[in-house]
């Protein structure tokens, strides 16, 4: 006969994993419900444009955002998104630090 004992830390870890999984499901569901938000920005003013977008659109953080630069052609297959956030952080650091 096997004597199984449970450690409180194992039970606590299991509970934490359940909570995290529920949060992931909720977040994923919000992404599905809110869909894709296409954001048009200017390359020269990425910092100001993104701040305006995130201030004015309460659901943007819970959406899948794609970015396009005014006057430029291209599809955001995450390359433009990475470039947008890189420019954002560079402009933020240059302006405030």
C-alpha atoms as a PDB file:
ATOM      1  CA  UNK A   1       0.000   0.000   0.000  1.00  0.00           C
ATOM      2  CA  UNK A   2       1.316   3.392  -0.977  1.00  0.00           C
ATOM      3  CA  UNK A   3       1.156   6.104   1.601  1.00  0.00           C
ATOM      4  CA  UNK A   4       0.587   9.345  -0.300  1.00  0.00           C
ATOM      5  CA  UNK A   5       1.079  12.567   1.551  1.00  0.00           C
ATOM      6  CA  UNK A   6       0.570  15.961   0.032  1.00  0.00           C
ATOM      7  CA  UNK A   7       2.758  18.863   0.772  1.00  0.00           C
ATOM      8  CA  UNK A   8       1.030  22.228   1.248  1.00  0.00           C
ATOM      9  CA  UNK A   9       3.481  23.763  -1.217  1.00  0.00           C
ATOM     10  CA  UNK A  10       2.423  21.306  -3.936  1.00  0.00           C
ATOM     11  CA  UNK A  11      -1.245  22.100  -3.332  1.00  0.00           C
ATOM     12  CA  UNK A  12      -0.514  25.822  -3.307  1.00  0.00           C
ATOM     13  CA  UNK A  13       1.423  25.523  -6.573  1.00  0.00           C
ATOM     14  CA  UNK A  14      -1.482  23.617  -8.126  1.00  0.00           C
ATOM     15  CA  UNK A  15      -3.908  26.369  -7.047  1.00  0.00           C
ATOM     16  CA  UNK A  16      -1.605  29.053  -8.466  1.00  0.00           C
ATOM     17  CA  UNK A  17      -1.410  27.176 -11.774  1.00  0.00           C
ATOM     18  CA  UNK A  18      -5.208  26.993 -11.929  1.00  0.00           C
ATOM     19  CA  UNK A  19      -5.466  30.746 -11.326  1.00  0.00           C
ATOM     20  CA  UNK A  20      -2.860  31.475 -14.012  1.00  0.00           C
ATOM     21  CA  UNK A  21      -4.639  29.217 -16.489  1.00  0.00           C
ATOM     22  CA  UNK A  22      -7.946  31.005 -15.825  1.00  0.00           C
ATOM     23  CA  UNK A  23      -6.266  34.383 -16.348  1.00  0.00           C
ATOM     24  CA  UNK A  24      -4.763  33.162 -19.631  1.00  0.00           C
ATOM     25  CA  UNK A  25      -8.171  31.944 -20.796  1.00  0.00           C
ATOM     26  CA  UNK A  26      -9.773  35.282 -19.878  1.00  0.00           C
ATOM     27  CA  UNK A  27      -7.044  37.228 -21.664  1.00  0.00           C
ATOM     28  CA  UNK A  28      -7.305  35.043 -24.771  1.00  0.00           C
ATOM     29  CA  UNK A  29     -11.100  35.425 -24.770  1.00  0.00           C
ATOM     30  CA  UNK A  30     -10.756  39.226 -24.629  1.00  0.00           C
ATOM     31  CA  UNK A  31      -8.353  39.113 -27.575  1.00  0.00           C
ATOM     32  CA  UNK A  32     -10.906  37.119 -29.556  1.00  0.00           C
ATOM     33  CA  UNK A  33     -13.788  39.418 -28.580  1.00  0.00           C
ATOM     34  CA  UNK A  34     -11.926  42.657 -29.306  1.00  0.00           C
ATOM     35  CA  UNK A  35     -10.341  41.445 -32.526  1.00  0.00           C
ATOM     36  CA  UNK A  36      -7.601  43.213 -34.427  1.00  0.00           C
ATOM     37  CA  UNK A  37      -7.074  46.968 -34.152  1.00  0.00           C
ATOM     38  CA  UNK A  38      -5.196  48.552 -37.020  1.00  0.00           C
ATOM     39  CA  UNK A  39      -3.294  51.621 -35.848  1.00  0.00           C
ATOM     40  CA  UNK A  40      -1.961  54.197 -38.311  1.00  0.00           C
ATOM     41  CA  UNK A  41       1.014  56.190 -37.060  1.00  0.00           C
ATOM     42  CA  UNK A  42       3.662  58.577 -38.362  1.00  0.00           C
ATOM     43  CA  UNK A  43       7.240  57.372 -38.183  1.00  0.00           C
ATOM     44  CA  UNK A  44       8.421  60.755 -36.864  1.00  0.00           C
ATOM     45  CA  UNK A  45       5.862  60.885 -34.045  1.00  0.00           C
ATOM     46  CA  UNK A  46       5.500  57.261 -32.939  1.00  0.00           C
ATOM     47  CA  UNK A  47       5.745  58.195 -29.245  1.00  0.00           C
ATOM     48  CA  UNK A  48       2.971  60.793 -29.367  1.00  0.00           C
ATOM     49  CA  UNK A  49       0.793  58.715 -31.711  1.00  0.00           C
ATOM     50  CA  UNK A  50       0.945  55.595 -29.543  1.00  0.00           C
ATOM     51  CA  UNK A  51       0.309  57.539 -26.345  1.00  0.00           C
ATOM     52  CA  UNK A  52      -2.807  59.066 -27.946  1.00  0.00           C
ATOM     53  CA  UNK A  53      -4.010  55.657 -29.144  1.00  0.00           C
ATOM     54  CA  UNK A  54      -3.585  53.993 -25.751  1.00  0.00           C
ATOM     55  CA  UNK A  55      -5.171  56.966 -23.936  1.00  0.00           C
ATOM     56  CA  UNK A  56      -8.201  57.183 -26.239  1.00  0.00           C
ATOM     57  CA  UNK A  57      -8.934  53.499 -26.819  1.00  0.00           C
ATOM     58  CA  UNK A  58      -9.596  51.604 -23.611  1.00  0.00           C
ATOM     59  CA  UNK A  59      -9.695  48.197 -25.299  1.00  0.00           C
ATOM     60  CA  UNK A  60      -6.488  48.522 -27.344  1.00  0.00           C
ATOM     61  CA  UNK A  61      -4.434  46.759 -24.665  1.00  0.00           C
ATOM     62  CA  UNK A  62      -6.799  43.795 -24.856  1.00  0.00           C
ATOM     63  CA  UNK A  63      -6.738  43.661 -28.653  1.00  0.00           C
ATOM     64  CA  UNK A  64      -4.262  42.412 -31.184  1.00  0.00           C
ATOM     65  CA  UNK A  65      -2.806  45.649 -32.524  1.00  0.00           C
ATOM     66  CA  UNK A  66      -1.283  45.901 -35.971  1.00  0.00           C
ATOM     67  CA  UNK A  67       0.578  48.988 -37.096  1.00  0.00           C
ATOM     68  CA  UNK A  68       0.961  50.842 -40.368  1.00  0.00           C
ATOM     69  CA  UNK A  69       3.081  53.885 -41.090  1.00  0.00           C
ATOM     70  CA  UNK A  70       1.409  56.744 -42.983  1.00  0.00           C
ATOM     71  CA  UNK A  71       2.856  57.027 -46.473  1.00  0.00           C
ATOM     72  CA  UNK A  72       4.491  53.594 -46.417  1.00  0.00           C
ATOM     73  CA  UNK A  73       3.356  50.293 -47.808  1.00  0.00           C
ATOM     74  CA  UNK A  74       3.717  47.120 -45.819  1.00  0.00           C
ATOM     75  CA  UNK A  75       1.823  44.471 -43.950  1.00  0.00           C
ATOM     76  CA  UNK A  76       2.333  44.034 -40.248  1.00  0.00           C
ATOM     77  CA  UNK A  77       3.419  40.443 -39.878  1.00  0.00           C
ATOM     78  CA  UNK A  78       4.990  41.510 -36.573  1.00  0.00           C
ATOM     79  CA  UNK A  79       8.027  43.158 -38.202  1.00  0.00           C
ATOM     80  CA  UNK A  80       6.354  46.563 -38.341  1.00  0.00           C
ATOM     81  CA  UNK A  81       5.064  46.022 -34.809  1.00  0.00           C
ATOM     82  CA  UNK A  82       8.574  45.314 -33.523  1.00  0.00           C
ATOM     83  CA  UNK A  83       9.900  48.343 -35.370  1.00  0.00           C
ATOM     84  CA  UNK A  84       7.088  50.509 -33.976  1.00  0.00           C
ATOM     85  CA  UNK A  85       7.811  49.520 -30.392  1.00  0.00           C
ATOM     86  CA  UNK A  86      11.571  49.935 -30.934  1.00  0.00           C
ATOM     87  CA  UNK A  87      11.025  53.459 -32.255  1.00  0.00           C
ATOM     88  CA  UNK A  88       8.595  54.157 -29.388  1.00  0.00           C
ATOM     89  CA  UNK A  89      11.152  53.221 -26.732  1.00  0.00           C
ATOM     90  CA  UNK A  90      13.957  55.088 -28.492  1.00  0.00           C
ATOM     91  CA  UNK A  91      11.830  58.251 -28.745  1.00  0.00           C
ATOM     92  CA  UNK A  92      10.703  57.859 -25.130  1.00  0.00           C
ATOM     93  CA  UNK A  93      14.266  57.505 -23.863  1.00  0.00           C
ATOM     94  CA  UNK A  94      15.490  60.403 -26.017  1.00  0.00           C
ATOM     95  CA  UNK A  95      12.715  62.702 -24.814  1.00  0.00           C
ATOM     96  CA  UNK A  96      12.515  61.851 -21.119  1.00  0.00           C
ATOM     97  CA  UNK A  97      15.931  60.507 -20.099  1.00  0.00           C
END
